[in-house]
Amino acid sequence: MRMFLVEHAKVVMKVICPHCREKSTISSSNRISTCVIELYCQCENELCDAGFVMTLAHKHDTRPPKSQIDNVVAELVRRMSSEEKREVMKLLSVIT
């Protein structure tokens, strides 16, 4: 299944029938949670004509959002002693 999602816009998605591998149409959907949607589909192949439900779900991040990274770094720095902060600043000055 190839999918492209845009918040507050029409979802453009190609769904393939799991039975005959032909193109299917999404007739409706049911949002289970912010990360899970049930897609009610109908196969367009007249010889198959299967109706089925597929689940679209967020599985995991391959790269966390920048805001999450920034928050983790800020919290780590906040917990450092003054000496640890000076040491990090020395290391950063060598890198830049």
C-alpha atoms as a PDB file:
ATOM      1  CA  MET A   1       0.000   0.000   0.000  1.00  0.00           C
ATOM      2  CA  ARG A   2       1.455   3.368  -1.018  1.00  0.00           C
ATOM      3  CA  MET A   3       0.113   6.327   0.926  1.00  0.00           C
ATOM      4  CA  PHE A   4       0.428  10.060   1.216  1.00  0.00           C
ATOM      5  CA  LEU A   5      -1.304  11.756   4.121  1.00  0.00           C
ATOM      6  CA  VAL A   6      -1.970  15.442   4.589  1.00  0.00           C
ATOM      7  CA  GLU A   7      -3.714  16.789   7.686  1.00  0.00           C
ATOM      8  CA  HIS A   8      -7.099  18.438   6.979  1.00  0.00           C
ATOM      9  CA  ALA A   9      -6.998  17.472   3.314  1.00  0.00           C
ATOM     10  CA  LYS A  10      -8.186  14.627   1.159  1.00  0.00           C
ATOM     11  CA  VAL A  11      -6.046  11.509   1.575  1.00  0.00           C
ATOM     12  CA  VAL A  12      -4.529  10.202  -1.657  1.00  0.00           C
ATOM     13  CA  MET A  13      -3.805   6.508  -1.406  1.00  0.00           C
ATOM     14  CA  LYS A  14      -3.486   3.462  -3.605  1.00  0.00           C
ATOM     15  CA  VAL A  15      -5.030   0.353  -2.071  1.00  0.00           C
ATOM     16  CA  ILE A  16      -4.539  -3.074  -3.608  1.00  0.00           C
ATOM     17  CA  CYS A  17      -7.036  -5.877  -2.996  1.00  0.00           C
ATOM     18  CA  PRO A  18      -5.428  -8.573  -0.816  1.00  0.00           C
ATOM     19  CA  HIS A  19      -7.333 -11.265  -2.762  1.00  0.00           C
ATOM     20  CA  CYS A  20      -6.794 -10.497  -6.456  1.00  0.00           C
ATOM     21  CA  ARG A  21      -4.097  -7.767  -6.237  1.00  0.00           C
ATOM     22  CA  GLU A  22      -6.216  -5.330  -8.318  1.00  0.00           C
ATOM     23  CA  LYS A  23      -7.015  -1.687  -7.589  1.00  0.00           C
ATOM     24  CA  SER A  24      -9.526  -1.001  -4.809  1.00  0.00           C
ATOM     25  CA  THR A  25     -11.501   2.044  -3.738  1.00  0.00           C
ATOM     26  CA  ILE A  26     -11.753   3.354  -0.177  1.00  0.00           C
ATOM     27  CA  SER A  27     -15.471   3.792   0.442  1.00  0.00           C
ATOM     28  CA  SER A  28     -15.238   5.096   4.016  1.00  0.00           C
ATOM     29  CA  SER A  29     -12.965   5.242   7.031  1.00  0.00           C
ATOM     30  CA  ASN A  30     -13.194   5.096  10.799  1.00  0.00           C
ATOM     31  CA  ARG A  31     -10.608   6.879  12.955  1.00  0.00           C
ATOM     32  CA  ILE A  32      -9.799   4.615  15.906  1.00  0.00           C
ATOM     33  CA  SER A  33      -7.203   6.972  17.415  1.00  0.00           C
ATOM     34  CA  THR A  34      -4.866   9.742  16.262  1.00  0.00           C
ATOM     35  CA  CYS A  35      -2.536   7.087  14.833  1.00  0.00           C
ATOM     36  CA  VAL A  36      -4.946   4.358  13.657  1.00  0.00           C
ATOM     37  CA  ILE A  37      -7.603   4.476  10.925  1.00  0.00           C
ATOM     38  CA  GLU A  38      -9.734   1.643   9.558  1.00  0.00           C
ATOM     39  CA  LEU A  39     -10.238   1.876   5.783  1.00  0.00           C
ATOM     40  CA  TYR A  40     -13.356   0.239   4.333  1.00  0.00           C
ATOM     41  CA  CYS A  41     -12.445  -0.814   0.789  1.00  0.00           C
ATOM     42  CA  GLN A  42     -14.138  -2.273  -2.276  1.00  0.00           C
ATOM     43  CA  CYS A  43     -12.241  -4.160  -4.972  1.00  0.00           C
ATOM     44  CA  GLU A  44     -12.791  -2.685  -8.455  1.00  0.00           C
ATOM     45  CA  ASN A  45     -12.233  -6.045 -10.182  1.00  0.00           C
ATOM     46  CA  GLU A  46     -15.754  -7.234 -11.116  1.00  0.00           C
ATOM     47  CA  LEU A  47     -14.653 -10.880 -10.954  1.00  0.00           C
ATOM     48  CA  CYS A  48     -13.439 -10.438  -7.370  1.00  0.00           C
ATOM     49  CA  ASP A  49     -15.737  -7.707  -5.945  1.00  0.00           C
ATOM     50  CA  ALA A  50     -14.341  -8.242  -2.422  1.00  0.00           C
ATOM     51  CA  GLY A  51     -15.123  -5.812   0.363  1.00  0.00           C
ATOM     52  CA  PHE A  52     -12.488  -5.594   3.076  1.00  0.00           C
ATOM     53  CA  VAL A  53     -11.142  -3.462   5.898  1.00  0.00           C
ATOM     54  CA  MET A  54      -7.494  -2.380   6.052  1.00  0.00           C
ATOM     55  CA  THR A  55      -5.813  -0.687   8.956  1.00  0.00           C
ATOM     56  CA  LEU A  56      -3.657   2.391   8.457  1.00  0.00           C
ATOM     57  CA  ALA A  57      -1.430   2.970  11.463  1.00  0.00           C
ATOM     58  CA  HIS A  58       1.656   4.862  12.549  1.00  0.00           C
ATOM     59  CA  LYS A  59       4.169   2.165  13.482  1.00  0.00           C
ATOM     60  CA  HIS A  60       7.256   4.064  14.596  1.00  0.00           C
ATOM     61  CA  ASP A  61       9.403   7.077  13.789  1.00  0.00           C
ATOM     62  CA  THR A  62      12.511   6.716  11.679  1.00  0.00           C
ATOM     63  CA  ARG A  63      13.566  10.167  12.845  1.00  0.00           C
ATOM     64  CA  PRO A  64      11.963  11.861  15.864  1.00  0.00           C
ATOM     65  CA  PRO A  65      10.493  15.347  15.458  1.00  0.00           C
ATOM     66  CA  LYS A  66      12.980  18.176  15.965  1.00  0.00           C
ATOM     67  CA  SER A  67      10.931  19.517  18.869  1.00  0.00           C
ATOM     68  CA  GLN A  68      11.422  16.213  20.711  1.00  0.00           C
ATOM     69  CA  ILE A  69      15.186  16.264  20.140  1.00  0.00           C
ATOM     70  CA  ASP A  70      15.398  19.900  21.268  1.00  0.00           C
ATOM     71  CA  ASN A  71      13.450  19.095  24.448  1.00  0.00           C
ATOM     72  CA  VAL A  72      15.694  16.134  25.310  1.00  0.00           C
ATOM     73  CA  VAL A  73      18.865  18.163  24.749  1.00  0.00           C
ATOM     74  CA  ALA A  74      17.513  21.085  26.791  1.00  0.00           C
ATOM     75  CA  GLU A  75      16.640  18.751  29.675  1.00  0.00           C
ATOM     76  CA  LEU A  76      20.088  17.107  29.579  1.00  0.00           C
ATOM     77  CA  VAL A  77      21.822  20.486  29.647  1.00  0.00           C
ATOM     78  CA  ARG A  78      19.558  21.691  32.471  1.00  0.00           C
ATOM     79  CA  ARG A  79      20.621  18.697  34.601  1.00  0.00           C
ATOM     80  CA  MET A  80      24.354  19.236  34.014  1.00  0.00           C
ATOM     81  CA  SER A  81      26.587  20.808  36.601  1.00  0.00           C
ATOM     82  CA  SER A  82      28.394  24.037  35.732  1.00  0.00           C
ATOM     83  CA  GLU A  83      31.604  22.071  35.230  1.00  0.00           C
ATOM     84  CA  GLU A  84      29.896  19.636  32.831  1.00  0.00           C
ATOM     85  CA  LYS A  85      28.429  22.556  30.866  1.00  0.00           C
ATOM     86  CA  ARG A  86      31.888  24.155  30.543  1.00  0.00           C
ATOM     87  CA  GLU A  87      33.305  20.833  29.315  1.00  0.00           C
ATOM     88  CA  VAL A  88      30.569  20.525  26.681  1.00  0.00           C
ATOM     89  CA  MET A  89      31.201  24.100  25.535  1.00  0.00           C
ATOM     90  CA  LYS A  90      34.899  23.259  25.089  1.00  0.00           C
ATOM     91  CA  LEU A  91      34.010  20.212  22.987  1.00  0.00           C
ATOM     92  CA  LEU A  92      31.586  22.248  20.871  1.00  0.00           C
ATOM     93  CA  SER A  93      34.160  24.950  20.215  1.00  0.00           C
ATOM     94  CA  VAL A  94      36.508  22.305  18.774  1.00  0.00           C
ATOM     95  CA  ILE A  95      33.765  21.006  16.470  1.00  0.00           C
ATOM     96  CA  THR A  96      32.645  24.384  15.090  1.00  0.00           C
END
